[in-house]
Amino acid sequence: MVVGCFGGRDVRRGVSFAPLVACASTQTATAQWSVVVLHPAGAFESQAFGGWGGQQVGTSSSNGANRASLWSGTAASFVDLHPAGMLNSEVLGASGGQQVGTVVTPTFFETHAALWNGSAGSFVDLNPPGWPTSYANGTSGAQQAGTVFTTLGAGHAAIWSGSAATFVDLHPPGTGESSLAATDGLQQGGVASMPGPTGLFHASVWMGSPNSWVDLNPTGVFDSEVLGVGGGQQVGKVRYTGNVNHAALWTGTAGSFVDLHTFLPPGYADSKATAVWVDSGVSYVAGFGTNSSAARVEALLWSRVLTPSCDSIDFNGDTLFPDVQDITDFITVFGGGACPTGTCGDIDFNNDGLFPDTDDITALIRVFGGGECS
């Protein structure tokens, strides 16, 4: 279903870019949609990059600087989040009342990952000591996700829990670079580049530690990227030979890959998926694609009614089952701990899109004992 038009940004460097083409108006679209201009009074330019729960976030330029910006549905609601003393700032994501993005410092013009809670005075510099550059691209409302860069410019996937001191380097062993685009507090999604001269990026998902990294790149594609996570699912894009992007969905493994582009009507040249969530037993994926016949980029919404079915009781992937160690390891990961074997499944055992949820523990014990999934 077509629902609008998008721009986007490169999550590896936090660089935003404007929509490729303007949306073409039709009578149908005019009847279904209204537009609010959020541009604040006195600003030279403004852009919105994300939103959550009635808030919109982005940047506006005034007094020679880009300034982190927050709105609540109207231009008059504009809140200037720009921290005192910083050269530039922008907000790239929001959730749970938090806003994340970047600031440019007056010292060596460094870019630092930034966190706000609704006001300029709430600003927190997330940049960890020893890392000259960082970006925060997404937040769950409690956990922030992005990238830190070495002095040589190599990116490492990073998460925080509200301060620079809580920084965790998620960079997977044996990869070239890595970056995070999104987190839901339990899983983190982004990319990791493969060793070798090509350095191709592979869609990747983590569960809070470097060793939890899973390479999601499916067989037969050139490269791939995760742009959104939610409900035990990951979404983004895969690129085929010929530089053609297709919207993609995974559920934790490369083998679970679904090419969402194949569900679009004829005429779409490419597509990307940027967000995924579950509501009332329905999985939703938002994104955008190029409608060649209309010569424009259009926002898209995919949906699917979920049919819950439980995972294997070999939760820790050690090939031993039934084995009480699987229950022990499930409880450990459910509580936020690391998977002891490094090959654990996700904690949405009953695959209802809700986690953490004690119904998953109940379902695991029931199936372990020979019962039905639900």
Protein backbone atom coordinates (compact mmCIF):
# COMPACT_ATOMS: atom_id res chain seq x y z
CA MET A 1 0.00 0.00 0.00
CA VAL A 2 1.41 3.41 -0.96
CA VAL A 3 1.24 5.90 1.89
CA GLY A 4 3.53 8.84 1.05
CA CYS A 5 7.11 9.87 0.12
CA PHE A 6 10.45 9.62 1.91
CA GLY A 7 14.01 10.88 2.09
CA GLY A 8 16.64 9.07 4.15
CA ARG A 9 20.19 8.98 5.50
CA ASP A 10 23.38 6.95 5.54
CA VAL A 11 23.36 5.33 8.98
CA ARG A 12 27.07 4.49 8.87
CA ARG A 13 28.01 8.16 9.14
CA GLY A 14 24.71 9.69 10.27
CA VAL A 15 24.53 11.71 7.05
CA SER A 16 21.07 12.82 6.03
CA PHE A 17 19.91 13.39 2.49
CA ALA A 18 16.83 15.02 1.00
CA PRO A 19 14.07 13.11 -0.79
CA LEU A 20 15.11 12.06 -4.27
CA VAL A 21 12.01 13.52 -5.90
CA ALA A 22 9.00 15.48 -4.75
CA CYS A 23 5.72 13.68 -4.20
CA ALA A 24 3.25 14.14 -7.03
CA SER A 25 -0.19 15.24 -5.85
CA THR A 26 -3.38 13.47 -6.86
CA GLN A 27 -6.98 13.99 -5.85
CA THR A 28 -6.95 10.70 -3.94
CA ALA A 29 -3.80 11.64 -2.04
CA THR A 30 -5.20 15.10 -1.27
CA ALA A 31 -8.33 13.54 0.20
CA GLN A 32 -6.36 11.19 2.46
CA TRP A 33 -3.46 13.34 3.61
CA SER A 34 -2.90 16.70 5.25
CA VAL A 35 0.42 18.48 5.67
CA VAL A 36 1.78 20.51 8.58
CA VAL A 37 4.77 22.73 7.84
CA LEU A 38 7.04 22.39 10.87
CA HIS A 39 9.56 25.02 9.76
CA PRO A 40 10.25 27.21 12.83
CA ALA A 41 10.04 30.99 12.64
CA GLY A 42 13.42 32.61 11.97
CA ALA A 43 15.12 29.47 10.68
CA PHE A 44 16.85 29.40 7.30
CA GLU A 45 16.19 25.69 6.62
CA SER A 46 14.74 22.73 8.53
CA GLN A 47 14.51 18.96 8.10
CA ALA A 48 12.72 16.22 10.05
CA PHE A 49 14.51 12.84 10.22
CA GLY A 50 12.36 10.81 12.59
CA GLY A 51 9.53 10.72 15.08
CA TRP A 52 7.89 8.87 17.93
CA GLY A 53 4.71 9.23 20.00
CA GLY A 54 3.65 12.63 18.70
CA GLN A 55 7.19 14.02 18.50
CA GLN A 56 9.16 14.86 15.37
CA VAL A 57 12.92 15.38 15.36
CA GLY A 58 15.54 16.74 13.03
CA THR A 59 17.51 19.93 12.55
CA SER A 60 17.01 23.59 11.69
CA SER A 61 19.58 26.17 10.71
CA SER A 62 19.86 29.63 12.20
CA ASN A 63 22.64 31.96 13.34
CA GLY A 64 25.05 30.12 11.07
CA ALA A 65 24.57 26.71 12.75
CA ASN A 66 22.55 23.54 12.36
CA ARG A 67 20.55 23.11 15.54
CA ALA A 68 19.01 19.92 16.93
CA SER A 69 15.25 20.35 16.77
CA LEU A 70 12.14 18.87 18.32
CA TRP A 71 8.49 19.40 17.39
CA SER A 72 5.15 18.13 18.67
CA GLY A 73 3.07 18.43 15.54
CA THR A 74 3.19 22.17 14.84
CA ALA A 75 5.76 24.82 13.95
CA ALA A 76 4.84 26.68 17.14
CA SER A 77 5.79 23.65 19.25
CA PHE A 78 9.44 23.86 18.13
CA VAL A 79 12.04 23.21 20.83
CA ASP A 80 15.66 24.17 20.15
CA LEU A 81 17.78 21.31 21.57
CA HIS A 82 21.10 22.82 20.50
CA PRO A 83 23.52 22.56 23.46
CA ALA A 84 25.37 25.65 24.58
CA GLY A 85 28.92 25.83 23.25
CA MET A 86 28.47 23.35 20.40
CA LEU A 87 29.02 24.33 16.77
CA ASN A 88 26.31 22.19 15.15
CA SER A 89 23.78 19.57 16.24
CA GLU A 90 21.05 17.35 14.78
CA VAL A 91 18.59 14.73 16.01
CA LEU A 92 18.45 11.51 13.98
CA GLY A 93 16.07 9.34 16.00
CA ALA A 94 13.61 9.35 18.88
CA SER A 95 11.72 6.90 21.09
CA GLY A 96 10.39 6.71 24.62
CA GLY A 97 10.84 10.43 25.21
CA GLN A 98 14.52 10.34 24.23
CA GLN A 99 16.17 11.98 21.24
CA VAL A 100 19.55 10.95 19.80
CA GLY A 101 21.86 12.35 17.17
CA THR A 102 25.12 14.27 16.98
CA VAL A 103 26.86 17.46 18.02
CA VAL A 104 29.99 19.07 16.59
CA THR A 105 32.35 20.23 19.33
CA PRO A 106 34.44 23.41 19.24
CA THR A 107 37.50 21.34 20.14
CA PHE A 108 39.01 19.94 16.93
CA PHE A 109 35.52 20.09 15.34
CA GLU A 110 34.81 16.53 16.49
CA THR A 111 31.42 14.89 15.91
CA HIS A 112 30.04 13.25 19.05
CA ALA A 113 27.02 11.02 19.64
CA ALA A 114 24.39 12.93 21.60
CA LEU A 115 21.37 12.22 23.79
CA TRP A 116 18.55 14.51 24.88
CA ASN A 117 15.39 14.16 26.96
CA GLY A 118 13.32 16.97 25.54
CA SER A 119 15.40 20.05 26.29
CA ALA A 120 18.76 21.60 25.43
CA GLY A 121 19.73 21.40 29.10
CA SER A 122 19.24 17.61 29.14
CA PHE A 123 22.02 17.09 26.57
CA VAL A 124 24.43 14.20 27.28
CA ASP A 125 27.64 13.75 25.30
CA LEU A 126 27.82 9.97 24.65
CA ASN A 127 31.27 9.99 23.04
CA PRO A 128 33.49 7.55 24.97
CA PRO A 129 37.06 8.52 25.85
CA GLY A 130 39.63 7.46 23.27
CA TRP A 131 37.23 7.57 20.32
CA PRO A 132 37.45 10.83 18.34
CA THR A 133 34.13 10.51 16.50
CA SER A 134 30.74 8.93 17.18
CA TYR A 135 27.12 8.99 15.97
CA ALA A 136 23.89 7.93 17.68
CA ASN A 137 21.35 6.83 15.09
CA GLY A 138 18.55 5.24 17.12
CA THR A 139 17.16 4.69 20.60
CA SER A 140 14.72 2.35 22.27
CA GLY A 141 14.02 4.94 24.95
CA ALA A 142 16.59 3.33 27.25
CA GLN A 143 19.35 2.04 24.98
CA GLN A 144 21.06 4.13 22.29
CA ALA A 145 22.67 2.68 19.15
CA GLY A 146 25.15 4.05 16.64
CA THR A 147 28.79 4.04 15.68
CA VAL A 148 32.14 5.06 17.14
CA PHE A 149 35.20 5.63 14.97
CA THR A 150 38.85 4.85 15.60
CA THR A 151 41.60 7.39 14.98
CA LEU A 152 42.05 5.72 11.58
CA GLY A 153 38.37 6.24 10.75
CA ALA A 154 37.18 2.63 11.11
CA GLY A 155 33.62 2.35 12.40
CA HIS A 156 32.59 0.12 15.30
CA ALA A 157 28.98 -0.71 16.18
CA ALA A 158 28.16 0.84 19.55
CA ILE A 159 25.46 0.93 22.20
CA TRP A 160 24.99 3.10 25.26
CA SER A 161 22.59 3.20 28.20
CA GLY A 162 22.40 6.91 28.82
CA SER A 163 26.01 7.98 29.31
CA ALA A 164 29.47 7.76 27.75
CA ALA A 165 30.53 5.49 30.62
CA THR A 166 28.00 2.83 29.56
CA PHE A 167 29.48 2.48 26.05
CA VAL A 168 29.75 -1.11 24.73
CA ASP A 169 31.79 -1.86 21.61
CA LEU A 170 29.81 -4.44 19.59
CA HIS A 171 32.33 -4.73 16.74
CA PRO A 172 32.38 -8.40 15.66
CA PRO A 173 35.74 -10.18 15.62
CA GLY A 174 37.13 -10.73 12.13
CA THR A 175 35.16 -7.98 10.39
CA GLY A 176 36.42 -4.73 8.90
CA GLU A 177 33.92 -2.10 10.04
CA SER A 178 30.51 -2.16 11.69
CA SER A 179 27.69 0.23 12.48
CA LEU A 180 24.26 0.22 14.13
CA ALA A 181 21.14 1.83 12.72
CA ALA A 182 18.54 0.76 15.28
CA THR A 183 17.83 -0.89 18.63
CA ASP A 184 14.69 -2.02 20.44
CA GLY A 185 16.60 -2.50 23.68
CA LEU A 186 17.12 -6.23 23.13
CA GLN A 187 18.37 -6.58 19.57
CA GLN A 188 20.51 -4.19 17.58
CA GLY A 189 20.57 -3.98 13.79
CA GLY A 190 23.08 -2.58 11.33
CA VAL A 191 25.95 -3.69 9.13
CA ALA A 192 29.42 -5.23 9.28
CA SER A 193 31.94 -5.23 6.44
CA MET A 194 33.63 -8.42 5.38
CA PRO A 195 37.43 -8.83 5.28
CA GLY A 196 39.13 -8.69 1.91
CA PRO A 197 39.61 -6.13 -0.87
CA THR A 198 35.89 -5.59 -1.55
CA GLY A 199 34.86 -4.88 2.05
CA LEU A 200 31.20 -5.52 1.25
CA PHE A 201 28.70 -4.70 3.98
CA HIS A 202 26.45 -7.45 5.31
CA ALA A 203 23.18 -6.96 7.17
CA SER A 204 23.78 -7.82 10.81
CA VAL A 205 21.98 -8.28 14.10
CA TRP A 206 23.32 -8.38 17.65
CA MET A 207 21.91 -9.18 21.10
CA GLY A 208 24.04 -6.84 23.21
CA SER A 209 27.54 -8.31 22.83
CA PRO A 210 30.18 -8.64 20.07
CA ASN A 211 29.96 -12.44 20.10
CA SER A 212 26.19 -12.38 19.61
CA TRP A 213 26.66 -10.97 16.08
CA VAL A 214 24.80 -12.79 13.30
CA ASP A 215 25.58 -12.26 9.61
CA LEU A 216 22.20 -11.94 7.86
CA ASN A 217 23.51 -11.57 4.31
CA PRO A 218 21.55 -14.10 2.21
CA THR A 219 22.99 -16.22 -0.57
CA GLY A 220 22.82 -14.65 -4.01
CA VAL A 221 22.94 -10.95 -3.09
CA PHE A 222 25.82 -8.48 -3.47
CA ASP A 223 25.49 -6.78 -0.08
CA SER A 224 22.81 -5.94 2.49
CA GLU A 225 21.92 -3.69 5.41
CA VAL A 226 19.60 -3.64 8.45
CA LEU A 227 17.84 -0.31 8.99
CA GLY A 228 15.18 -1.22 11.57
CA VAL A 229 14.43 -3.83 14.25
CA GLY A 230 11.38 -4.79 16.27
CA GLY A 231 9.34 -7.76 17.42
CA GLY A 232 12.18 -10.23 16.81
CA GLN A 233 12.42 -9.08 13.20
CA GLN A 234 14.97 -7.11 11.22
CA VAL A 235 14.33 -5.05 8.07
CA GLY A 236 16.49 -3.21 5.58
CA LYS A 237 17.65 -3.88 2.06
CA VAL A 238 19.63 -6.29 -0.08
CA ARG A 239 21.45 -5.26 -3.24
CA TYR A 240 21.59 -7.49 -6.26
CA THR A 241 24.06 -7.29 -9.13
CA GLY A 242 23.27 -4.22 -11.19
CA ASN A 243 22.89 -1.96 -8.15
CA VAL A 244 19.22 -2.87 -7.60
CA ASN A 245 18.00 -2.63 -3.98
CA HIS A 246 15.13 -4.74 -2.64
CA ALA A 247 13.38 -4.26 0.70
CA ALA A 248 14.28 -7.15 3.00
CA LEU A 249 13.00 -8.87 6.15
CA TRP A 250 14.77 -11.33 8.45
CA THR A 251 13.93 -13.11 11.71
CA GLY A 252 17.40 -13.61 13.11
CA THR A 253 19.19 -15.70 10.48
CA ALA A 254 20.38 -15.36 6.89
CA GLY A 255 18.16 -18.29 5.95
CA SER A 256 15.04 -16.44 7.16
CA PHE A 257 15.44 -13.73 4.49
CA VAL A 258 12.25 -12.55 2.76
CA ASP A 259 12.46 -10.35 -0.34
CA LEU A 260 9.65 -7.85 0.33
CA HIS A 261 10.08 -6.26 -3.08
CA THR A 262 8.43 -9.29 -4.68
CA PHE A 263 5.13 -8.34 -3.01
CA LEU A 264 4.98 -4.90 -4.63
CA PRO A 265 2.79 -4.17 -7.66
CA PRO A 266 4.53 -4.06 -11.06
CA GLY A 267 6.47 -0.89 -11.86
CA TYR A 268 8.68 -0.51 -8.79
CA ALA A 269 12.37 -0.37 -9.73
CA ASP A 270 13.79 -0.67 -6.22
CA SER A 271 12.79 -0.51 -2.56
CA LYS A 272 14.06 -0.32 1.03
CA ALA A 273 12.47 -1.19 4.39
CA THR A 274 13.26 1.14 7.29
CA ALA A 275 11.06 0.15 10.25
CA VAL A 276 9.24 -2.91 11.61
CA TRP A 277 6.79 -3.40 14.46
CA VAL A 278 4.05 -5.76 15.65
CA ASP A 279 0.60 -4.63 16.73
CA SER A 280 -2.37 -6.86 17.64
CA GLY A 281 -0.94 -9.92 15.94
CA VAL A 282 -0.03 -8.09 12.72
CA SER A 283 3.53 -7.42 11.60
CA TYR A 284 4.04 -4.07 9.84
CA VAL A 285 7.02 -2.93 7.76
CA ALA A 286 7.48 0.66 6.57
CA GLY A 287 9.81 1.77 3.81
CA PHE A 288 9.94 3.32 0.39
CA GLY A 289 10.43 2.46 -3.26
CA THR A 290 10.89 4.00 -6.70
CA ASN A 291 7.71 3.91 -8.75
CA SER A 292 9.11 4.05 -12.29
CA SER A 293 5.77 4.65 -13.99
CA ALA A 294 5.02 7.65 -11.76
CA ALA A 295 8.67 8.83 -11.74
CA ARG A 296 8.78 9.32 -7.98
CA VAL A 297 9.85 7.78 -4.68
CA GLU A 298 6.88 6.55 -2.64
CA ALA A 299 6.56 5.49 0.98
CA LEU A 300 5.31 1.92 1.40
CA LEU A 301 3.69 -0.15 4.12
CA TRP A 302 3.74 -3.96 4.14
CA SER A 303 1.68 -6.00 6.62
CA ARG A 304 1.19 -9.67 7.46
CA VAL A 305 -1.03 -11.45 9.97
CA LEU A 306 1.22 -13.53 12.22
CA THR A 307 0.54 -17.19 12.85
CA PRO A 308 2.41 -18.03 16.05
CA SER A 309 4.50 -21.19 16.06
CA CYS A 310 7.15 -22.00 18.64
CA ASP A 311 10.88 -22.24 18.04
CA SER A 312 12.96 -25.37 18.52
CA ILE A 313 13.50 -26.41 22.14
CA ASP A 314 17.23 -26.58 21.34
CA PHE A 315 17.45 -22.92 22.30
CA ASN A 316 21.21 -22.82 22.79
CA GLY A 317 21.90 -24.59 19.49
CA ASP A 318 24.19 -27.24 20.98
CA THR A 319 22.20 -30.06 19.24
CA LEU A 320 21.34 -31.62 22.63
CA PHE A 321 17.62 -31.76 23.39
CA PRO A 322 15.53 -32.17 25.38
CA ASP A 323 18.14 -30.68 27.71
CA VAL A 324 17.47 -28.55 30.79
CA GLN A 325 20.48 -26.42 29.84
CA ASP A 326 18.30 -24.95 27.09
CA ILE A 327 15.86 -23.66 29.72
CA THR A 328 18.71 -22.30 31.84
CA ASP A 329 20.26 -20.52 28.87
CA PHE A 330 16.87 -19.14 27.79
CA ILE A 331 16.34 -17.60 31.24
CA THR A 332 19.87 -16.13 31.08
CA VAL A 333 19.29 -14.45 27.71
CA PHE A 334 15.72 -13.46 28.68
CA GLY A 335 17.22 -11.58 31.63
CA GLY A 336 19.66 -9.70 29.39
CA GLY A 337 22.66 -11.99 29.73
CA ALA A 338 24.92 -13.27 26.97
CA CYS A 339 24.27 -16.58 25.22
CA PRO A 340 26.73 -19.12 26.71
CA THR A 341 27.08 -21.01 23.40
CA GLY A 342 26.95 -18.04 21.05
CA THR A 343 24.28 -19.79 18.96
CA CYS A 344 21.09 -19.11 20.93
CA GLY A 345 17.76 -18.34 19.31
CA ASP A 346 15.72 -15.23 20.06
CA ILE A 347 13.65 -14.90 23.24
CA ASP A 348 10.34 -14.60 21.38
CA PHE A 349 9.95 -18.38 21.69
CA ASN A 350 6.25 -18.43 20.78
CA ASN A 351 6.80 -15.96 17.91
CA ASP A 352 3.86 -13.75 18.83
CA GLY A 353 5.94 -10.61 18.30
CA LEU A 354 5.90 -9.74 22.02
CA PHE A 355 9.12 -9.85 24.05
CA PRO A 356 10.38 -9.85 26.70
CA ASP A 357 7.18 -11.68 27.68
CA THR A 358 6.80 -14.36 30.34
CA ASP A 359 4.43 -16.22 28.00
CA ASP A 360 7.56 -17.23 26.09
CA ILE A 361 8.96 -18.93 29.21
CA THR A 362 5.64 -20.69 29.77
CA ALA A 363 5.54 -21.84 26.15
CA LEU A 364 9.13 -23.13 26.28
CA ILE A 365 8.44 -25.22 29.38
CA ARG A 366 5.18 -26.50 27.89
CA VAL A 367 6.79 -27.57 24.59
CA PHE A 368 9.83 -28.96 26.46
CA GLY A 369 7.45 -31.24 28.33
CA GLY A 370 5.84 -32.47 25.09
CA GLY A 371 2.90 -30.08 24.95
CA GLU A 372 1.56 -27.84 22.22
CA CYS A 373 2.95 -24.42 21.41
CA SER A 374 -0.24 -22.67 22.58
